[in-house]
Structure formats: C-alpha cells, structure tokens
Amino acid sequence: MGDVKKHGDLVRENFGSQAEAYVQSALHAAGQDLEMLEKILAEYPEANFLDVGTGGGHVSYLAARHVKQVTAYDMSAEMLKAVEKTAGERGLSNIVTRQGAAERLPFEDASFDVVASRYSAHHWHDVGQGVREISRVLKPGGVLVMMDTASPGEPVRDIFLQSVEYLRDMSHVRAYSPGEWLAFVSDAALRVNELLTLRIRYDFTSWVTRMKTPGHHVTAIREVLKTAPEEVRTYFQVEADGSFSIDEVMLIATRI
C-alpha cells in the first residue's frame, strides 16, 4: 500500500509536470466566460482579487489588468512558478502567488473584494468546504465568480462525462450540475446573482496531450466515446476524431 497516492499529491503531481502546457493552452487562455469576467472586473478597479486554483494563471493575468492586487492560489508549486514567470514576462507586477488547497485558504476573514475560480473545482476534494472558505475570505458584499465544467445531471450523460474525465486525468473528482452548485453557494451564505450554462469544445488530441494521458487510457476513452449510447454522443457532440463538447457552469454570487 506504500505506493498509493493521496488525492492532493495526485493533483500536485499531475499538474506540476504540465505547468507550461497549461500556461500555453489555447482552451484556457480564451472563452466567453473570460470575456464576461473581464466586464465584471472593470467595475472593481481597487479590488483585492483572489484566483483559487489558478492553474496556468489566465484568470490572474486578465484580472491584473483591471484590479489593484491579485493573489494567484494553487496546490502546485510548479504551476505557481510558471505563473510568476509569465506575469514577469508580461509586466504584471501586481500578481503575488500563494500555495495551498481550496478547502484551507490561508487568508484572514473578509480579505478579498472579488474571488474567482475557473476549471479547478472539479479537482477539489470537498467543494462545499471550498466554497465556504471562499465565502469566509470575501468581504460582505464581495463577489464570487465560479466557472467550471458541469455535469448535465441526467444519470447516463453524467456517468459518461465523469468516466472520460477520470480516465483522462485521475485527479478529477467530479463535475457538478448547476443545481448542485446552487446548493453549494446557498449553504455558504452567498446570494446567487446569475447562473449561466455555456459550452466548451475539447479538441481530443490537445485535451489528452496537455495532461500526458497514458496511451492505454487514451484507448479506453476512445472506446467509451465510440460505444456510448447515441443520445449521449449527440448531447456531447462527439466528432469523428474524438473531439466533443461539454457544459460549463458560470455562477456569479454575492457575500451576504
């Protein structure tokens, strides 16, 4: 049993070795959600901003152009080093980095005006606790912008999504439905302002290459894609090369 990894170790290992790939990822560097986030941040020029699960740092780079101070937070030291390097190259001097888990934010109560998280929460061990921690560090009236891959909720579609995500990256825990996100937020003393469902297209080759998914897992994913029920293939818009599209939830809430 000595070689069994804890979940946190798996997250750090998987993403630490892929840090540069996530900084360079076209999927992570653009999107309708980032365009909407930019409009929100334009209203907070004096904000102290926290990016939870910064990954390749794309939310932090965007925020740094609009707010006063940005803290990029992640479990992976390698990811944070890559973010520091890229921020320096882009002349973004108002970004600082801190390392740790979403469930244990090392910040004082009411420290931030805006908190955002993008494509990270499906890796968290305890999303409910993570959202409660975010609520704790937000100032009263502060804003949370949560963006993450989402489950469609329906059981057959859900098991398809969770299966291919886990085969691609074993640090995946769960993509949650919009209804589940509403419950997480309401339990954390946050008031929902807006909830949107967007679509993300995964180019199959770049999706598995970015994570360095083992070959036998790639083969298994292709088999799942190929043999999934027709209604599932239609919902996820599975293409001939294995590329497919999934839901993204974007939730905007205010600390009560």
C-alpha atoms as a PDB file:
ATOM      1  CA  MET A   1       0.000   0.000   0.000  1.00  0.00           C
ATOM      2  CA  GLY A   2       3.014   2.314   0.200  1.00  0.00           C
ATOM      3  CA  ASP A   3       2.664   3.497  -3.409  1.00  0.00           C
ATOM      4  CA  VAL A   4      -0.981   4.611  -3.056  1.00  0.00           C
ATOM      5  CA  LYS A   5      -1.132   8.390  -3.527  1.00  0.00           C
ATOM      6  CA  LYS A   6      -3.334  10.789  -1.598  1.00  0.00           C
ATOM      7  CA  HIS A   7      -5.626  12.921  -3.758  1.00  0.00           C
ATOM      8  CA  GLY A   8      -3.712  16.139  -3.035  1.00  0.00           C
ATOM      9  CA  ASP A   9      -0.444  14.502  -4.033  1.00  0.00           C
ATOM     10  CA  LEU A  10      -2.055  13.307  -7.269  1.00  0.00           C
ATOM     11  CA  VAL A  11      -3.260  16.815  -8.105  1.00  0.00           C
ATOM     12  CA  ARG A  12       0.164  18.329  -7.440  1.00  0.00           C
ATOM     13  CA  GLU A  13       1.934  15.613  -9.428  1.00  0.00           C
ATOM     14  CA  ASN A  14      -0.407  15.686 -12.424  1.00  0.00           C
ATOM     15  CA  PHE A  15      -0.496  19.440 -12.813  1.00  0.00           C
ATOM     16  CA  GLY A  16       3.033  20.261 -11.686  1.00  0.00           C
ATOM     17  CA  SER A  17       4.526  18.347 -14.596  1.00  0.00           C
ATOM     18  CA  GLN A  18       2.126  20.003 -17.054  1.00  0.00           C
ATOM     19  CA  ALA A  19       2.523  23.588 -15.813  1.00  0.00           C
ATOM     20  CA  GLU A  20       3.885  25.070 -19.046  1.00  0.00           C
ATOM     21  CA  ALA A  21       1.275  23.245 -21.150  1.00  0.00           C
ATOM     22  CA  TYR A  22      -1.494  24.937 -19.164  1.00  0.00           C
ATOM     23  CA  VAL A  23       0.114  28.366 -19.465  1.00  0.00           C
ATOM     24  CA  GLN A  24       0.217  27.856 -23.244  1.00  0.00           C
ATOM     25  CA  SER A  25      -3.229  26.212 -23.552  1.00  0.00           C
ATOM     26  CA  ALA A  26      -5.459  27.977 -26.093  1.00  0.00           C
ATOM     27  CA  LEU A  27      -8.550  26.475 -24.431  1.00  0.00           C
ATOM     28  CA  HIS A  28      -7.660  28.025 -21.071  1.00  0.00           C
ATOM     29  CA  ALA A  29      -6.467  31.358 -22.483  1.00  0.00           C
ATOM     30  CA  ALA A  30      -9.781  32.380 -24.083  1.00  0.00           C
ATOM     31  CA  GLY A  31     -13.514  31.861 -23.868  1.00  0.00           C
ATOM     32  CA  GLN A  32     -16.878  33.519 -23.382  1.00  0.00           C
ATOM     33  CA  ASP A  33     -16.521  33.132 -19.612  1.00  0.00           C
ATOM     34  CA  LEU A  34     -13.302  35.169 -19.569  1.00  0.00           C
ATOM     35  CA  GLU A  35     -14.959  37.874 -21.655  1.00  0.00           C
ATOM     36  CA  MET A  36     -17.788  38.051 -19.119  1.00  0.00           C
ATOM     37  CA  LEU A  37     -15.345  38.050 -16.197  1.00  0.00           C
ATOM     38  CA  GLU A  38     -13.467  40.957 -17.748  1.00  0.00           C
ATOM     39  CA  LYS A  39     -16.667  43.024 -17.867  1.00  0.00           C
ATOM     40  CA  ILE A  40     -17.313  42.275 -14.188  1.00  0.00           C
ATOM     41  CA  LEU A  41     -13.779  43.194 -13.120  1.00  0.00           C
ATOM     42  CA  ALA A  42     -13.924  46.509 -14.961  1.00  0.00           C
ATOM     43  CA  GLU A  43     -16.250  47.632 -12.155  1.00  0.00           C
ATOM     44  CA  TYR A  44     -13.678  46.862  -9.411  1.00  0.00           C
ATOM     45  CA  PRO A  45     -10.502  48.867 -10.147  1.00  0.00           C
ATOM     46  CA  GLU A  46      -9.493  48.993  -6.457  1.00  0.00           C
ATOM     47  CA  ALA A  47     -10.235  45.334  -5.725  1.00  0.00           C
ATOM     48  CA  ASN A  48      -8.119  42.844  -3.846  1.00  0.00           C
ATOM     49  CA  PHE A  49      -8.690  39.771  -6.028  1.00  0.00           C
ATOM     50  CA  LEU A  50      -8.171  36.048  -5.325  1.00  0.00           C
ATOM     51  CA  ASP A  51      -7.850  33.409  -8.055  1.00  0.00           C
ATOM     52  CA  VAL A  52      -8.462  29.976  -6.469  1.00  0.00           C
ATOM     53  CA  GLY A  53      -6.876  27.115  -8.406  1.00  0.00           C
ATOM     54  CA  THR A  54      -5.097  29.454 -10.791  1.00  0.00           C
ATOM     55  CA  GLY A  55      -3.571  26.660 -12.915  1.00  0.00           C
ATOM     56  CA  GLY A  56      -1.914  28.319 -15.911  1.00  0.00           C
ATOM     57  CA  GLY A  57      -2.809  31.735 -14.474  1.00  0.00           C
ATOM     58  CA  HIS A  58      -5.123  33.003 -17.216  1.00  0.00           C
ATOM     59  CA  VAL A  59      -7.707  34.419 -14.794  1.00  0.00           C
ATOM     60  CA  SER A  60      -4.940  36.155 -12.837  1.00  0.00           C
ATOM     61  CA  TYR A  61      -3.371  37.690 -15.964  1.00  0.00           C
ATOM     62  CA  LEU A  62      -6.755  39.059 -17.009  1.00  0.00           C
ATOM     63  CA  ALA A  63      -7.593  40.346 -13.532  1.00  0.00           C
ATOM     64  CA  ALA A  64      -4.222  42.046 -13.121  1.00  0.00           C
ATOM     65  CA  ARG A  65      -5.096  44.407 -15.961  1.00  0.00           C
ATOM     66  CA  HIS A  66      -8.220  45.624 -14.149  1.00  0.00           C
ATOM     67  CA  VAL A  67      -7.845  45.367 -10.362  1.00  0.00           C
ATOM     68  CA  LYS A  68      -5.379  46.674  -7.786  1.00  0.00           C
ATOM     69  CA  GLN A  69      -3.958  43.408  -6.401  1.00  0.00           C
ATOM     70  CA  VAL A  70      -4.148  39.755  -7.495  1.00  0.00           C
ATOM     71  CA  THR A  71      -3.331  36.653  -5.458  1.00  0.00           C
ATOM     72  CA  ALA A  72      -2.876  33.551  -7.610  1.00  0.00           C
ATOM     73  CA  TYR A  73      -3.503  30.491  -5.430  1.00  0.00           C
ATOM     74  CA  ASP A  74      -2.866  26.840  -6.324  1.00  0.00           C
ATOM     75  CA  MET A  75      -1.801  23.489  -4.845  1.00  0.00           C
ATOM     76  CA  SER A  76       1.030  23.080  -7.344  1.00  0.00           C
ATOM     77  CA  ALA A  77       4.314  24.879  -6.690  1.00  0.00           C
ATOM     78  CA  GLU A  78       5.335  24.265 -10.315  1.00  0.00           C
ATOM     79  CA  MET A  79       2.154  25.929 -11.575  1.00  0.00           C
ATOM     80  CA  LEU A  80       2.803  28.943  -9.368  1.00  0.00           C
ATOM     81  CA  LYS A  81       6.393  29.225 -10.614  1.00  0.00           C
ATOM     82  CA  ALA A  82       5.104  29.194 -14.192  1.00  0.00           C
ATOM     83  CA  VAL A  83       2.574  31.912 -13.323  1.00  0.00           C
ATOM     84  CA  GLU A  84       5.274  34.066 -11.688  1.00  0.00           C
ATOM     85  CA  LYS A  85       7.485  33.676 -14.777  1.00  0.00           C
ATOM     86  CA  THR A  86       4.692  34.565 -17.194  1.00  0.00           C
ATOM     87  CA  ALA A  87       3.500  37.500 -15.093  1.00  0.00           C
ATOM     88  CA  GLY A  88       7.052  38.862 -15.100  1.00  0.00           C
ATOM     89  CA  GLU A  89       7.315  38.470 -18.863  1.00  0.00           C
ATOM     90  CA  ARG A  90       4.027  40.353 -19.291  1.00  0.00           C
ATOM     91  CA  GLY A  91       4.970  43.124 -16.879  1.00  0.00           C
ATOM     92  CA  LEU A  92       2.169  42.266 -14.436  1.00  0.00           C
ATOM     93  CA  SER A  93       3.740  43.402 -11.169  1.00  0.00           C
ATOM     94  CA  ASN A  94       0.519  43.261  -9.125  1.00  0.00           C
ATOM     95  CA  ILE A  95       0.312  39.430  -9.029  1.00  0.00           C
ATOM     96  CA  VAL A  96       1.515  37.515  -5.964  1.00  0.00           C
ATOM     97  CA  THR A  97       1.314  33.741  -5.500  1.00  0.00           C
ATOM     98  CA  ARG A  98       0.354  31.541  -2.549  1.00  0.00           C
ATOM     99  CA  GLN A  99       0.275  27.751  -2.336  1.00  0.00           C
ATOM    100  CA  GLY A 100      -2.408  25.600  -0.749  1.00  0.00           C
ATOM    101  CA  ALA A 101      -5.744  23.814  -1.072  1.00  0.00           C
ATOM    102  CA  ALA A 102      -9.119  25.445  -1.707  1.00  0.00           C
ATOM    103  CA  GLU A 103     -10.529  23.829   1.424  1.00  0.00           C
ATOM    104  CA  ARG A 104      -7.976  25.617   3.672  1.00  0.00           C
ATOM    105  CA  LEU A 105      -7.418  29.166   2.437  1.00  0.00           C
ATOM    106  CA  PRO A 106      -4.539  30.787   4.399  1.00  0.00           C
ATOM    107  CA  PHE A 107      -6.166  34.226   4.474  1.00  0.00           C
ATOM    108  CA  GLU A 108      -7.938  36.320   7.094  1.00  0.00           C
ATOM    109  CA  ASP A 109     -11.711  36.681   7.121  1.00  0.00           C
ATOM    110  CA  ALA A 110     -13.078  39.347   4.757  1.00  0.00           C
ATOM    111  CA  SER A 111      -9.764  39.789   2.922  1.00  0.00           C
ATOM    112  CA  PHE A 112     -10.945  39.996  -0.701  1.00  0.00           C
ATOM    113  CA  ASP A 113     -13.372  42.059  -2.765  1.00  0.00           C
ATOM    114  CA  VAL A 114     -13.628  39.515  -5.581  1.00  0.00           C
ATOM    115  CA  VAL A 115     -12.821  35.799  -5.724  1.00  0.00           C
ATOM    116  CA  ALA A 116     -12.848  33.764  -8.929  1.00  0.00           C
ATOM    117  CA  SER A 117     -12.127  30.164  -9.801  1.00  0.00           C
ATOM    118  CA  ARG A 118     -12.050  28.608 -13.275  1.00  0.00           C
ATOM    119  CA  TYR A 119     -11.733  24.949 -14.317  1.00  0.00           C
ATOM    120  CA  SER A 120     -10.449  23.997 -10.864  1.00  0.00           C
ATOM    121  CA  ALA A 121     -13.331  22.949  -8.613  1.00  0.00           C
ATOM    122  CA  HIS A 122     -13.844  19.546 -10.236  1.00  0.00           C
ATOM    123  CA  HIS A 123     -10.450  18.623  -8.721  1.00  0.00           C
ATOM    124  CA  TRP A 124     -11.323  19.751  -5.166  1.00  0.00           C
ATOM    125  CA  HIS A 125     -11.653  17.068  -2.542  1.00  0.00           C
ATOM    126  CA  ASP A 126     -14.567  18.878  -0.825  1.00  0.00           C
ATOM    127  CA  VAL A 127     -16.274  21.541  -2.952  1.00  0.00           C
ATOM    128  CA  GLY A 128     -18.736  22.507  -0.218  1.00  0.00           C
ATOM    129  CA  GLN A 129     -15.882  23.286   2.163  1.00  0.00           C
ATOM    130  CA  GLY A 130     -14.010  25.152  -0.578  1.00  0.00           C
ATOM    131  CA  VAL A 131     -16.999  27.398  -1.272  1.00  0.00           C
ATOM    132  CA  ARG A 132     -17.481  28.035   2.459  1.00  0.00           C
ATOM    133  CA  GLU A 133     -13.810  29.065   2.685  1.00  0.00           C
ATOM    134  CA  ILE A 134     -14.257  31.423  -0.261  1.00  0.00           C
ATOM    135  CA  SER A 135     -17.295  32.942   1.456  1.00  0.00           C
ATOM    136  CA  ARG A 136     -15.257  33.394   4.646  1.00  0.00           C
ATOM    137  CA  VAL A 137     -12.467  35.341   2.924  1.00  0.00           C
ATOM    138  CA  LEU A 138     -14.857  37.529   0.912  1.00  0.00           C
ATOM    139  CA  LYS A 139     -15.798  40.910   2.313  1.00  0.00           C
ATOM    140  CA  PRO A 140     -19.532  41.482   2.920  1.00  0.00           C
ATOM    141  CA  GLY A 141     -20.920  42.421  -0.478  1.00  0.00           C
ATOM    142  CA  GLY A 142     -17.911  40.824  -2.176  1.00  0.00           C
ATOM    143  CA  VAL A 143     -18.372  38.860  -5.382  1.00  0.00           C
ATOM    144  CA  LEU A 144     -17.646  35.238  -6.295  1.00  0.00           C
ATOM    145  CA  VAL A 145     -17.325  34.252  -9.955  1.00  0.00           C
ATOM    146  CA  MET A 146     -17.206  30.462 -10.278  1.00  0.00           C
ATOM    147  CA  MET A 147     -16.513  28.832 -13.654  1.00  0.00           C
ATOM    148  CA  ASP A 148     -16.201  25.082 -14.006  1.00  0.00           C
ATOM    149  CA  THR A 149     -17.044  22.113 -16.175  1.00  0.00           C
ATOM    150  CA  ALA A 150     -20.563  20.945 -15.376  1.00  0.00           C
ATOM    151  CA  SER A 151     -22.466  17.707 -15.239  1.00  0.00           C
ATOM    152  CA  PRO A 152     -25.689  17.661 -17.292  1.00  0.00           C
ATOM    153  CA  GLY A 153     -27.302  15.979 -14.277  1.00  0.00           C
ATOM    154  CA  GLU A 154     -29.074  13.197 -16.195  1.00  0.00           C
ATOM    155  CA  PRO A 155     -27.512   9.920 -14.956  1.00  0.00           C
ATOM    156  CA  VAL A 156     -26.447   8.324 -18.266  1.00  0.00           C
ATOM    157  CA  ARG A 157     -24.880  11.558 -19.519  1.00  0.00           C
ATOM    158  CA  ASP A 158     -23.322  12.173 -16.118  1.00  0.00           C
ATOM    159  CA  ILE A 159     -21.562   8.795 -15.912  1.00  0.00           C
ATOM    160  CA  PHE A 160     -20.183   9.291 -19.433  1.00  0.00           C
ATOM    161  CA  LEU A 161     -18.699  12.670 -18.529  1.00  0.00           C
ATOM    162  CA  GLN A 162     -17.231  11.569 -15.195  1.00  0.00           C
ATOM    163  CA  SER A 163     -15.747   8.438 -16.810  1.00  0.00           C
ATOM    164  CA  VAL A 164     -13.895  10.142 -19.648  1.00  0.00           C
ATOM    165  CA  GLU A 165     -12.690  12.955 -17.372  1.00  0.00           C
ATOM    166  CA  TYR A 166     -11.331  10.461 -14.841  1.00  0.00           C
ATOM    167  CA  LEU A 167      -9.646   8.308 -17.484  1.00  0.00           C
ATOM    168  CA  ARG A 168      -8.001  11.400 -18.931  1.00  0.00           C
ATOM    169  CA  ASP A 169      -6.872  12.729 -15.520  1.00  0.00           C
ATOM    170  CA  MET A 170      -7.161  10.635 -12.364  1.00  0.00           C
ATOM    171  CA  SER A 171      -7.093  13.739 -10.150  1.00  0.00           C
ATOM    172  CA  HIS A 172     -10.599  14.527 -11.449  1.00  0.00           C
ATOM    173  CA  VAL A 173     -13.130  14.209  -8.613  1.00  0.00           C
ATOM    174  CA  ARG A 174     -16.471  15.296 -10.029  1.00  0.00           C
ATOM    175  CA  ALA A 175     -18.113  17.824 -12.338  1.00  0.00           C
ATOM    176  CA  TYR A 176     -21.244  19.097 -10.575  1.00  0.00           C
ATOM    177  CA  SER A 177     -24.613  20.048 -12.043  1.00  0.00           C
ATOM    178  CA  PRO A 178     -25.936  23.652 -11.938  1.00  0.00           C
ATOM    179  CA  GLY A 179     -28.420  22.545  -9.261  1.00  0.00           C
ATOM    180  CA  GLU A 180     -25.619  21.202  -7.093  1.00  0.00           C
ATOM    181  CA  TRP A 181     -23.742  24.493  -7.495  1.00  0.00           C
ATOM    182  CA  LEU A 182     -26.792  26.422  -6.310  1.00  0.00           C
ATOM    183  CA  ALA A 183     -26.830  24.261  -3.180  1.00  0.00           C
ATOM    184  CA  PHE A 184     -23.097  24.758  -2.503  1.00  0.00           C
ATOM    185  CA  VAL A 185     -23.432  28.515  -2.791  1.00  0.00           C
ATOM    186  CA  SER A 186     -26.603  28.893  -0.738  1.00  0.00           C
ATOM    187  CA  ASP A 187     -25.070  26.782   2.040  1.00  0.00           C
ATOM    188  CA  ALA A 188     -22.122  29.206   2.183  1.00  0.00           C
ATOM    189  CA  ALA A 189     -24.049  32.442   2.871  1.00  0.00           C
ATOM    190  CA  LEU A 190     -23.764  33.596  -0.733  1.00  0.00           C
ATOM    191  CA  ARG A 191     -26.623  35.065  -2.782  1.00  0.00           C
ATOM    192  CA  VAL A 192     -26.780  33.972  -6.419  1.00  0.00           C
ATOM    193  CA  ASN A 193     -26.946  36.857  -8.880  1.00  0.00           C
ATOM    194  CA  GLU A 194     -26.658  34.901 -12.111  1.00  0.00           C
ATOM    195  CA  LEU A 195     -26.229  31.310 -13.266  1.00  0.00           C
ATOM    196  CA  LEU A 196     -25.316  30.525 -16.862  1.00  0.00           C
ATOM    197  CA  THR A 197     -24.572  27.327 -18.753  1.00  0.00           C
ATOM    198  CA  LEU A 198     -22.000  27.669 -21.551  1.00  0.00           C
ATOM    199  CA  ARG A 199     -20.404  25.097 -23.873  1.00  0.00           C
ATOM    200  CA  ILE A 200     -16.731  24.097 -24.178  1.00  0.00           C
ATOM    201  CA  ARG A 201     -15.320  22.110 -27.097  1.00  0.00           C
ATOM    202  CA  TYR A 202     -12.486  19.719 -26.280  1.00  0.00           C
ATOM    203  CA  ASP A 203     -10.133  19.064 -29.169  1.00  0.00           C
ATOM    204  CA  PHE A 204      -9.329  15.435 -28.423  1.00  0.00           C
ATOM    205  CA  THR A 205      -5.628  15.439 -29.294  1.00  0.00           C
ATOM    206  CA  SER A 206      -4.735  18.588 -27.352  1.00  0.00           C
ATOM    207  CA  TRP A 207      -7.010  17.540 -24.461  1.00  0.00           C
ATOM    208  CA  VAL A 208      -5.152  14.279 -23.802  1.00  0.00           C
ATOM    209  CA  THR A 209      -1.718  15.600 -24.836  1.00  0.00           C
ATOM    210  CA  ARG A 210      -1.877  18.509 -22.385  1.00  0.00           C
ATOM    211  CA  MET A 211      -2.354  16.075 -19.477  1.00  0.00           C
ATOM    212  CA  LYS A 212       0.056  13.468 -20.897  1.00  0.00           C
ATOM    213  CA  THR A 213      -2.699  10.880 -20.533  1.00  0.00           C
ATOM    214  CA  PRO A 214      -1.237   7.331 -20.710  1.00  0.00           C
ATOM    215  CA  GLY A 215      -1.784   5.546 -24.019  1.00  0.00           C
ATOM    216  CA  HIS A 216      -3.939   2.770 -22.554  1.00  0.00           C
ATOM    217  CA  HIS A 217      -6.223   5.402 -21.007  1.00  0.00           C
ATOM    218  CA  VAL A 218      -6.468   7.229 -24.352  1.00  0.00           C
ATOM    219  CA  THR A 219      -7.531   3.931 -25.929  1.00  0.00           C
ATOM    220  CA  ALA A 220     -10.141   3.431 -23.206  1.00  0.00           C
ATOM    221  CA  ILE A 221     -11.518   6.955 -23.697  1.00  0.00           C
ATOM    222  CA  ARG A 222     -11.841   6.375 -27.445  1.00  0.00           C
ATOM    223  CA  GLU A 223     -13.744   3.155 -26.748  1.00  0.00           C
ATOM    224  CA  VAL A 224     -16.127   4.956 -24.382  1.00  0.00           C
ATOM    225  CA  LEU A 225     -16.690   7.679 -26.970  1.00  0.00           C
ATOM    226  CA  LYS A 226     -17.308   5.112 -29.679  1.00  0.00           C
ATOM    227  CA  THR A 227     -19.696   2.853 -27.749  1.00  0.00           C
ATOM    228  CA  ALA A 228     -21.689   5.472 -25.836  1.00  0.00           C
ATOM    229  CA  PRO A 229     -25.452   5.495 -26.496  1.00  0.00           C
ATOM    230  CA  GLU A 230     -26.480   7.620 -29.450  1.00  0.00           C
ATOM    231  CA  GLU A 231     -28.334  10.138 -27.279  1.00  0.00           C
ATOM    232  CA  VAL A 232     -25.129  10.639 -25.249  1.00  0.00           C
ATOM    233  CA  ARG A 233     -22.991  11.054 -28.361  1.00  0.00           C
ATOM    234  CA  THR A 234     -25.488  13.591 -29.674  1.00  0.00           C
ATOM    235  CA  TYR A 235     -25.622  15.571 -26.422  1.00  0.00           C
ATOM    236  CA  PHE A 236     -21.824  15.806 -26.190  1.00  0.00           C
ATOM    237  CA  GLN A 237     -21.464  16.420 -29.943  1.00  0.00           C
ATOM    238  CA  VAL A 238     -18.899  13.651 -30.345  1.00  0.00           C
ATOM    239  CA  GLU A 239     -16.921  14.117 -33.563  1.00  0.00           C
ATOM    240  CA  ALA A 240     -15.182  11.587 -35.787  1.00  0.00           C
ATOM    241  CA  ASP A 241     -11.725  12.355 -34.318  1.00  0.00           C
ATOM    242  CA  GLY A 242     -12.975  12.024 -30.721  1.00  0.00           C
ATOM    243  CA  SER A 243     -13.374  15.747 -30.047  1.00  0.00           C
ATOM    244  CA  PHE A 244     -16.531  16.588 -28.079  1.00  0.00           C
ATOM    245  CA  SER A 245     -18.318  19.403 -26.253  1.00  0.00           C
ATOM    246  CA  ILE A 246     -19.394  19.669 -22.611  1.00  0.00           C
ATOM    247  CA  ASP A 247     -21.263  22.109 -20.379  1.00  0.00           C
ATOM    248  CA  GLU A 248     -19.647  24.813 -18.286  1.00  0.00           C
ATOM    249  CA  VAL A 249     -21.410  26.496 -15.390  1.00  0.00           C
ATOM    250  CA  MET A 250     -20.709  30.158 -14.696  1.00  0.00           C
ATOM    251  CA  LEU A 251     -22.107  31.341 -11.390  1.00  0.00           C
ATOM    252  CA  ILE A 252     -21.935  34.884 -10.026  1.00  0.00           C
ATOM    253  CA  ALA A 253     -22.802  35.360  -6.353  1.00  0.00           C
ATOM    254  CA  THR A 254     -22.501  37.969  -3.603  1.00  0.00           C
ATOM    255  CA  ARG A 255     -21.391  37.509   0.015  1.00  0.00           C
ATOM    256  CA  ILE A 256     -24.367  38.291   2.234  1.00  0.00           C
END
